[in-house]
Protein backbone atom coordinates (compact mmCIF):
# COMPACT_ATOMS: atom_id res chain seq x y z
CA MET A 1 40.58 58.29 17.86
CA ASP A 2 37.76 56.32 20.47
CA GLN A 3 37.15 52.64 19.77
CA LEU A 4 35.18 50.13 21.37
CA LEU A 5 35.87 46.43 21.32
CA LEU A 6 32.86 43.99 21.23
CA LYS A 7 33.44 40.57 22.32
CA PRO A 8 31.33 37.80 20.54
CA ILE A 9 27.68 37.57 21.54
CA ASP A 10 26.61 34.55 23.08
CA HIS A 11 23.12 35.24 23.77
CA VAL A 12 20.32 37.76 22.96
CA ALA A 13 17.24 38.18 25.14
CA GLY A 14 15.39 41.04 26.99
CA GLU A 15 13.01 44.07 27.15
CA ILE A 16 13.80 47.54 26.17
CA SER A 17 12.39 50.92 25.64
CA LEU A 18 13.36 53.38 23.51
CA PRO A 19 13.94 56.86 22.85
CA GLY A 20 11.75 58.89 20.59
CA SER A 21 12.13 58.91 16.34
CA LYS A 22 14.36 60.96 15.02
CA SER A 23 12.29 62.23 12.81
CA LEU A 24 9.14 62.99 14.27
CA SER A 25 10.88 64.62 17.34
CA ASN A 26 12.33 67.25 14.94
CA ARG A 27 9.10 67.77 13.13
CA ALA A 28 7.26 68.08 16.42
CA LEU A 29 9.41 70.41 17.55
CA LEU A 30 9.37 72.74 14.77
CA LEU A 31 5.23 72.43 14.26
CA SER A 32 5.17 73.68 17.95
CA ALA A 33 7.61 76.47 17.56
CA LEU A 34 5.18 77.32 15.05
CA ALA A 35 1.85 76.83 16.52
CA THR A 36 -0.60 78.87 18.63
CA GLY A 37 -0.69 77.61 21.86
CA GLN A 38 1.76 75.77 23.93
CA THR A 39 2.71 72.03 22.95
CA ARG A 40 4.20 69.33 25.65
CA LEU A 41 6.06 66.83 23.76
CA HIS A 42 6.53 63.57 25.59
CA ASN A 43 9.26 61.31 24.69
CA LEU A 44 11.60 63.03 23.16
CA LEU A 45 14.45 62.09 21.66
CA HIS A 46 17.78 63.67 23.38
CA SER A 47 20.23 63.59 20.74
CA ASP A 48 22.66 66.13 18.52
CA ASP A 49 20.21 66.10 16.09
CA THR A 50 17.30 67.33 18.11
CA GLY A 51 19.94 69.72 20.13
CA ARG A 52 20.73 71.52 16.46
CA MET A 53 16.80 71.97 16.36
CA LEU A 54 16.48 73.07 19.87
CA GLU A 55 19.51 75.46 19.41
CA ALA A 56 17.90 77.16 16.37
CA LEU A 57 14.89 77.44 18.20
CA ARG A 58 16.08 79.33 21.23
CA GLN A 59 18.11 81.63 18.60
CA MET A 60 14.88 82.53 17.11
CA HIS A 61 13.42 83.11 20.49
CA VAL A 62 10.76 80.00 21.28
CA ALA A 63 10.47 79.23 24.39
CA VAL A 64 11.06 75.68 25.38
CA ASP A 65 11.11 73.97 28.93
CA ILE A 66 12.93 70.63 28.99
CA ALA A 67 11.51 68.32 31.71
CA VAL A 68 14.83 66.48 33.02
CA ASP A 69 14.67 62.86 33.95
CA ILE A 70 16.83 61.21 36.68
CA ASN A 71 19.33 60.24 34.38
CA GLY A 72 19.38 63.68 33.20
CA GLU A 73 18.19 63.32 29.90
CA GLY A 74 15.07 65.23 28.31
CA THR A 75 12.22 63.16 27.52
CA ASP A 76 9.83 65.67 27.87
CA CYS A 77 9.68 69.41 26.48
CA THR A 78 6.81 71.99 26.54
CA VAL A 79 7.29 74.61 23.69
CA THR A 80 5.51 78.27 23.58
CA GLY A 81 4.30 78.76 20.03
CA LEU A 82 4.93 81.87 18.06
CA GLY A 83 1.78 81.22 16.22
CA GLU A 84 3.70 83.13 13.82
CA LEU A 85 6.91 83.02 11.20
CA PHE A 86 9.99 83.55 12.63
CA THR A 87 11.59 87.01 13.04
CA PRO A 88 15.04 87.29 12.31
CA PRO A 89 16.85 86.67 15.73
CA ASN A 90 20.05 88.57 16.51
CA GLU A 91 22.46 85.81 15.82
CA THR A 92 21.32 84.83 11.99
CA LYS A 93 23.89 81.99 11.71
CA PHE A 94 22.64 78.73 12.39
CA SER A 95 25.04 76.27 12.44
CA LEU A 96 23.20 72.61 12.55
CA GLY A 97 25.86 69.86 12.49
CA ASN A 98 24.99 67.15 10.60
CA ALA A 99 21.15 66.55 11.33
CA GLY A 100 19.43 66.51 7.81
CA THR A 101 16.29 66.67 9.43
CA ALA A 102 16.75 70.40 10.72
CA ILE A 103 18.83 72.27 8.23
CA ARG A 104 16.16 70.99 5.25
CA PRO A 105 12.80 72.16 6.95
CA LEU A 106 14.69 75.33 8.71
CA THR A 107 15.83 76.48 5.02
CA SER A 108 12.67 76.12 3.84
CA MET A 109 10.92 77.93 6.48
CA LEU A 110 13.35 80.73 6.93
CA SER A 111 12.95 81.27 2.85
CA LEU A 112 9.46 82.60 4.07
CA CYS A 113 10.54 84.97 6.66
CA ASP A 114 12.18 88.25 6.27
CA GLY A 115 15.68 88.87 7.08
CA LYS A 116 19.38 87.31 5.86
CA PHE A 117 20.51 84.32 7.45
CA ILE A 118 23.74 81.52 6.71
CA ILE A 119 22.63 78.08 7.37
CA ASP A 120 25.73 75.76 8.18
CA GLY A 121 26.93 72.50 9.27
CA ASP A 122 29.59 70.47 10.17
CA ASP A 123 32.49 68.95 7.51
CA TYR A 124 30.04 66.02 7.15
CA MET A 125 26.90 68.42 6.16
CA ARG A 126 29.22 70.39 3.94
CA GLU A 127 29.65 67.73 1.67
CA ARG A 128 25.80 66.63 1.83
CA PRO A 129 23.81 67.94 -1.26
CA ILE A 130 20.54 70.61 -0.66
CA ASP A 131 21.03 71.78 -4.34
CA HIS A 132 17.32 70.37 -5.02
CA LEU A 133 15.83 72.11 -1.76
CA VAL A 134 17.50 75.32 -3.22
CA ASP A 135 16.73 74.67 -6.70
CA ALA A 136 12.88 74.40 -5.93
CA LEU A 137 13.33 77.85 -3.21
CA ARG A 138 14.40 79.88 -6.15
CA GLN A 139 11.55 78.43 -8.53
CA LEU A 140 9.54 80.00 -5.49
CA GLY A 141 11.45 83.50 -5.61
CA ALA A 142 13.75 82.89 -2.55
CA ASP A 143 17.45 84.56 -3.00
CA ILE A 144 20.31 81.67 -1.89
CA GLN A 145 24.12 81.53 -2.42
CA TYR A 146 26.25 78.84 -1.94
CA LEU A 147 29.27 80.14 0.45
CA GLY A 148 31.38 76.59 -0.29
CA LYS A 149 30.73 73.61 -2.37
CA PRO A 150 28.18 74.67 -5.00
CA GLY A 151 25.31 72.15 -3.79
CA CYS A 152 26.07 71.87 -0.36
CA PRO A 153 25.79 74.11 2.45
CA PRO A 154 26.57 76.58 3.80
CA ILE A 155 24.24 79.10 2.12
CA GLN A 156 23.31 82.46 2.24
CA LEU A 157 19.75 83.04 2.40
CA ILE A 158 17.50 86.27 1.77
CA GLY A 159 14.34 85.62 2.94
CA GLY A 160 10.66 86.76 2.77
CA ARG A 161 10.70 86.31 -1.12
CA ILE A 162 8.31 83.31 -1.17
CA SER A 163 4.69 83.73 -1.20
CA GLY A 164 3.77 80.25 -2.79
CA GLY A 165 2.91 79.16 -6.37
CA HIS A 166 3.88 75.90 -8.73
CA VAL A 167 7.15 74.63 -7.75
CA SER A 168 8.81 70.87 -9.24
CA ILE A 169 11.08 68.95 -7.51
CA ARG A 170 13.52 66.12 -7.93
CA GLY A 171 11.68 63.08 -5.98
CA ASP A 172 14.50 60.27 -6.36
CA ILE A 173 17.15 61.30 -4.23
CA SER A 174 15.68 62.33 -0.82
CA SER A 175 12.17 62.60 1.06
CA GLN A 176 13.59 65.53 3.71
CA TYR A 177 13.71 68.36 0.10
CA LEU A 178 9.77 67.63 -0.14
CA THR A 179 9.27 67.39 3.58
CA ALA A 180 10.79 70.96 3.65
CA LEU A 181 8.52 72.52 1.25
CA LEU A 182 5.75 70.48 2.61
CA MET A 183 5.87 71.97 6.16
CA SER A 184 6.81 75.66 5.42
CA LEU A 185 4.42 76.42 2.35
CA PRO A 186 1.30 75.81 4.37
CA LEU A 187 2.04 79.45 5.68
CA ALA A 188 3.03 81.41 2.51
CA VAL A 189 0.09 83.58 1.44
CA LYS A 190 -1.01 82.04 -1.73
CA ASP A 191 -1.51 78.64 -2.54
CA SER A 192 0.96 76.38 -3.86
CA VAL A 193 1.12 73.13 -6.14
CA ILE A 194 4.81 70.73 -5.67
CA GLU A 195 5.07 68.18 -8.78
CA VAL A 196 7.72 65.89 -8.48
CA ILE A 197 9.95 65.03 -11.29
CA GLY A 198 10.68 60.98 -11.39
CA GLU A 199 9.55 58.56 -8.68
CA GLN A 200 9.55 59.90 -5.41
CA VAL A 201 11.49 57.87 -2.97
CA SER A 202 11.02 57.13 0.76
CA LYS A 203 7.18 57.51 0.67
CA PRO A 204 6.31 56.43 4.62
CA TYR A 205 8.41 59.38 5.59
CA LEU A 206 5.91 62.02 3.75
CA ASP A 207 3.25 60.36 5.41
CA ILE A 208 4.91 61.20 8.64
CA THR A 209 5.28 64.80 7.63
CA LEU A 210 1.34 64.67 6.24
CA GLY A 211 0.25 62.76 9.42
CA ILE A 212 1.86 65.17 11.91
CA MET A 213 1.03 68.54 9.87
CA ALA A 214 -2.80 67.03 10.19
CA GLN A 215 -2.35 66.79 13.43
CA TYR A 216 -1.48 70.65 14.16
CA GLY A 217 -4.40 71.37 12.21
CA VAL A 218 -2.63 71.71 8.58
CA THR A 219 -3.31 69.92 6.10
CA ALA A 220 -2.27 69.09 2.26
CA THR A 221 -3.06 66.68 -0.23
CA HIS A 222 -1.72 64.78 -2.93
CA GLU A 223 -2.22 62.90 -6.11
CA ASN A 224 0.04 59.29 -6.26
CA TYR A 225 2.77 61.26 -4.37
CA GLN A 226 3.25 62.94 -7.62
CA VAL A 227 1.50 66.07 -7.40
CA PHE A 228 1.00 67.84 -3.94
CA TYR A 229 -1.57 70.51 -3.03
CA ILE A 230 -1.13 72.95 -0.46
CA LYS A 231 -3.59 75.89 0.50
CA GLY A 232 -1.64 78.96 1.49
CA ARG A 233 -2.06 80.86 4.83
CA GLN A 234 -3.02 77.88 7.17
CA GLN A 235 -1.98 78.22 10.53
CA TYR A 236 -0.31 75.13 12.81
CA VAL A 237 -2.32 74.93 15.93
CA SER A 238 -0.89 73.23 19.31
CA PRO A 239 -2.55 69.60 19.69
CA ASP A 240 -1.86 70.60 23.69
CA ASN A 241 0.31 67.10 24.21
CA TYR A 242 1.88 64.66 21.40
CA LEU A 243 3.51 61.56 22.31
CA ILE A 244 6.64 60.69 19.86
CA GLU A 245 6.86 56.89 19.15
CA GLY A 246 10.20 54.72 19.93
CA ASP A 247 12.63 55.26 16.97
CA ALA A 248 11.47 52.34 14.67
CA SER A 249 14.94 52.85 12.75
CA SER A 250 16.67 52.34 16.36
CA ALA A 251 14.80 49.38 17.20
CA SER A 252 15.92 47.19 14.20
CA TYR A 253 19.04 46.27 15.41
CA PHE A 254 17.17 44.86 18.12
CA PHE A 255 15.03 43.36 16.36
CA ALA A 256 17.72 41.89 14.29
CA ALA A 257 19.81 40.85 16.62
CA ALA A 258 16.89 38.87 18.24
CA ALA A 259 16.59 37.35 14.60
CA ILE A 260 19.75 36.11 14.24
CA LYS A 261 20.68 34.58 17.78
CA GLY A 262 17.57 33.40 18.61
CA GLY A 263 16.56 34.75 21.78
CA THR A 264 13.44 37.14 22.23
CA VAL A 265 13.40 40.46 22.42
CA ARG A 266 10.40 42.88 23.42
CA VAL A 267 10.43 46.79 22.47
CA ASN A 268 8.04 49.00 24.32
CA GLY A 269 6.80 52.65 23.17
CA LEU A 270 6.53 51.31 19.48
CA GLY A 271 3.50 49.14 18.16
CA ARG A 272 1.66 47.69 15.32
CA ASP A 273 0.07 50.72 13.77
CA SER A 274 3.22 52.73 14.45
CA VAL A 275 3.29 55.90 11.72
CA GLN A 276 7.22 55.26 10.84
CA GLY A 277 7.91 53.53 7.68
CA ASP A 278 10.76 51.53 8.67
CA ILE A 279 8.48 49.33 11.05
CA ALA A 280 8.02 47.47 7.33
CA PHE A 281 11.50 45.59 8.18
CA LEU A 282 9.17 43.59 10.55
CA ASP A 283 7.81 42.75 7.10
CA VAL A 284 11.73 41.84 5.73
CA ILE A 285 12.91 39.81 8.94
CA GLU A 286 9.19 37.60 9.11
CA GLN A 287 10.19 36.85 5.14
CA MET A 288 13.78 36.01 6.11
CA GLY A 289 12.84 33.76 8.91
CA ALA A 290 12.05 35.56 12.35
CA THR A 291 8.98 35.39 14.24
CA VAL A 292 7.10 38.93 14.90
CA THR A 293 4.52 39.45 17.59
CA ARG A 294 2.79 42.77 17.24
CA HIS A 295 1.15 44.52 20.16
CA GLU A 296 -0.49 47.50 20.09
CA SER A 297 2.09 48.80 22.52
CA TRP A 298 5.00 47.06 21.92
CA ILE A 299 6.42 44.25 19.44
CA GLU A 300 8.69 41.42 19.89
CA VAL A 301 10.57 39.21 17.63
CA THR A 302 12.01 35.78 18.07
CA ARG A 303 14.32 33.77 15.94
CA GLY A 304 12.23 31.11 13.75
CA GLY A 305 15.34 28.98 12.53
CA PRO A 306 18.13 29.55 10.00
CA LEU A 307 17.65 33.07 8.43
CA GLN A 308 17.08 32.95 4.32
CA ALA A 309 18.56 35.27 2.22
CA ILE A 310 16.02 38.13 0.49
CA ASP A 311 16.28 39.87 -3.28
CA LEU A 312 13.93 43.05 -2.27
CA ASP A 313 13.33 46.45 -3.64
CA LEU A 314 13.74 48.50 -0.06
CA ASN A 315 13.55 51.87 -1.41
CA HIS A 316 10.93 52.68 1.38
CA ILE A 317 13.08 51.96 4.29
CA PRO A 318 16.31 53.19 2.87
CA ASP A 319 17.43 53.62 6.52
CA ALA A 320 16.66 49.64 8.04
CA ALA A 321 17.97 48.48 4.86
CA MET A 322 21.46 49.12 6.23
CA THR A 323 20.23 46.41 8.96
CA VAL A 324 19.09 44.29 6.20
CA ALA A 325 22.47 44.39 4.83
CA MET A 326 23.98 42.94 7.94
CA LEU A 327 21.27 40.13 8.27
CA ALA A 328 22.24 39.52 5.35
CA LEU A 329 25.61 37.84 6.98
CA PHE A 330 24.09 35.54 8.64
CA ALA A 331 21.65 33.93 5.91
CA ASP A 332 21.15 31.14 3.83
CA GLY A 333 22.38 32.19 0.83
CA THR A 334 23.57 35.33 -1.71
CA SER A 335 21.16 38.55 -0.47
CA ARG A 336 20.35 41.66 -2.76
CA ILE A 337 18.85 45.09 -1.77
CA ARG A 338 17.66 47.29 -5.16
CA ASN A 339 16.90 50.85 -5.01
CA ILE A 340 18.76 52.30 -2.65
CA TYR A 341 20.52 55.05 -4.38
CA ASN A 342 19.46 57.32 -1.57
CA TRP A 343 22.26 55.50 0.61
CA ARG A 344 24.92 57.81 -1.40
CA VAL A 345 23.61 61.26 -0.07
CA LYS A 346 23.00 59.87 3.37
CA GLU A 347 25.21 60.74 6.47
CA THR A 348 28.22 59.33 4.36
CA ASP A 349 28.47 57.70 0.83
CA ARG A 350 26.62 54.25 2.79
CA MET A 351 26.75 52.44 -0.23
CA THR A 352 30.92 52.61 -0.36
CA ALA A 353 30.65 52.45 3.75
CA MET A 354 28.78 49.12 3.45
CA ALA A 355 30.71 47.60 0.84
CA THR A 356 33.63 48.34 2.38
CA GLU A 357 33.10 47.38 5.75
CA LEU A 358 31.36 44.07 4.72
CA VAL A 359 34.64 43.06 3.21
CA LYS A 360 36.36 43.44 6.12
CA LEU A 361 34.18 41.09 8.13
CA GLY A 362 34.59 38.41 5.24
CA ALA A 363 31.70 39.33 3.00
CA GLU A 364 31.77 39.00 -1.04
CA ILE A 365 30.20 42.37 -2.49
CA GLU A 366 28.82 43.72 -5.36
CA THR A 367 27.68 46.63 -5.54
CA GLY A 368 26.14 49.09 -8.40
CA ASP A 369 24.64 52.52 -8.77
CA ASP A 370 21.25 51.41 -6.53
CA TYR A 371 22.15 48.24 -5.25
CA ILE A 372 24.04 45.88 -3.24
CA VAL A 373 24.51 42.34 -3.45
CA ILE A 374 25.96 40.53 0.00
CA THR A 375 27.33 36.53 0.05
CA PRO A 376 28.26 35.68 3.46
CA PRO A 377 31.58 34.38 4.73
CA LYS A 378 31.46 30.97 6.46
CA THR A 379 32.55 32.77 9.41
CA ILE A 380 32.93 36.44 10.43
CA LEU A 381 36.22 37.74 10.83
CA PRO A 382 37.80 40.14 13.23
CA ALA A 383 37.54 43.43 12.22
CA THR A 384 38.14 47.18 13.02
CA ILE A 385 35.22 48.91 11.44
CA ASP A 386 35.25 52.54 10.30
CA THR A 387 32.14 54.36 11.17
CA TYR A 388 32.64 57.91 8.98
CA GLY A 389 30.79 59.72 11.14
CA ASP A 390 27.60 57.99 10.58
CA HIS A 391 25.37 56.84 13.50
CA ARG A 392 23.53 54.09 11.73
CA MET A 393 27.31 52.07 10.50
CA ALA A 394 28.30 52.16 14.28
CA MET A 395 25.01 50.57 15.27
CA CYS A 396 24.97 48.51 12.13
CA PHE A 397 27.87 47.23 12.87
CA SER A 398 27.54 45.98 16.42
CA LEU A 399 25.72 43.26 14.86
CA ALA A 400 28.79 41.39 13.61
CA ALA A 401 29.29 40.45 16.74
CA LEU A 402 26.59 38.20 16.44
CA GLY A 403 29.66 35.96 15.02
CA ASP A 404 32.01 34.28 16.81
CA SER A 405 34.93 37.03 16.44
CA PRO A 406 35.51 40.14 18.63
CA ILE A 407 34.81 43.27 16.59
CA THR A 408 35.91 47.10 17.09
CA ILE A 409 34.04 50.26 16.26
CA ASN A 410 35.70 52.97 15.69
CA ASP A 411 34.16 56.66 16.95
CA PRO A 412 31.38 54.66 18.86
CA GLY A 413 30.66 58.21 19.91
CA CYS A 414 28.70 58.65 16.38
CA VAL A 415 25.75 56.83 17.84
CA ALA A 416 25.01 60.29 19.87
CA LYS A 417 23.22 61.87 16.75
CA THR A 418 20.57 59.54 17.21
CA PHE A 419 21.02 57.32 19.97
CA PRO A 420 23.68 58.47 22.60
CA ASP A 421 22.92 55.07 24.96
CA TYR A 422 22.93 52.95 22.26
CA PHE A 423 26.01 50.57 23.01
CA SER A 424 24.67 50.64 26.73
CA VAL A 425 21.19 49.09 25.94
CA LEU A 426 22.75 47.11 23.41
CA GLN A 427 24.55 45.08 26.57
CA GLN A 428 21.34 45.39 28.86
CA ILE A 429 19.98 42.71 26.14
CA THR A 430 23.04 40.65 25.61
CA ARG A 431 25.67 38.04 27.03
CA PRO A 432 29.61 37.96 25.89
CA LYS A 433 30.62 34.89 25.41
CA PRO A 434 32.51 33.14 28.20
């Protein structure tokens, strides 16, 4: 297994630009493929997750042209839309790795399309639940069978049997299932109503979905995120150009580093009017003591003094809540992060993973079904961190090097899922202790 040794970091300061948002990139790719017209996507994320979506679209005969920059990474992409639903490709098995933002919406979209499909992922994805989406699609008439572990990929889907209608879906696990329905059902021939059972989690991600749909000419309405109304026979229309914001979740690590270590860090390409929910991470670090300056096209964070412990419901920012847990290592007092059950159904069981690795650093940890309590150590211990194939575990625990001990990250390459250059960018704004 590859390992990366991070020496204790002495100083943090600098200015960076971020790759595009994963959530926006894969949504934009899919909608561009279905739209009438040609769409130029700017600042497209170059990562494993977007690579999986691109492979699937090309498999379905969508013309995609990526403009390669001087570093060999695609940042601009031109998609020629089909202007209609996908037709069955020659190869009907889709291998989507561990890309939740690809497998969920593609499953829902393919359920509208004629043909028999097999939808699969890697070993990690085969442990991630998809049953709530499958149950919803079956209510609408889809024929779906599990080919492995019940409730998880791989699945066999016979498409073309959904025409719209009334459907209910649980909202307490993930917003990606509802996003998948919202993106696909406007293309059904009949109107649809989606009823959310229980409290809907991660609502800002639904705002991202509804916002980008509107930019492609498709609308849906809702009553307090509990009932959604979708007109059928709509058509996605290219906006011609679509600029993808820098990824707010990825930005959280650099903002946190500044808040912990005292230097000023500016992130370009992400501004005060960001559509991404994880921009609310800035409110949390301000509450903990950091100083935040918001501009139209950039954001700066500086350490404002000793970090203070928090007790917060962070259901609305589950990914950035992991970064808050790392900040708690450096805060005065015991922190409690609540209402984060969906940590347990992400790329790995993040509740267990975070607790296990934080203990290695010397923290005292208490977890419940949907919360974690973190009492920081007096000194962060040297540790070798397991990442569980989870990109956010690797990026989060790199922040432990802001203490006084060396930190070894196992399988650092897992960051390729969303931010292949993460460690080199981190190195640009940090200086190790002599």
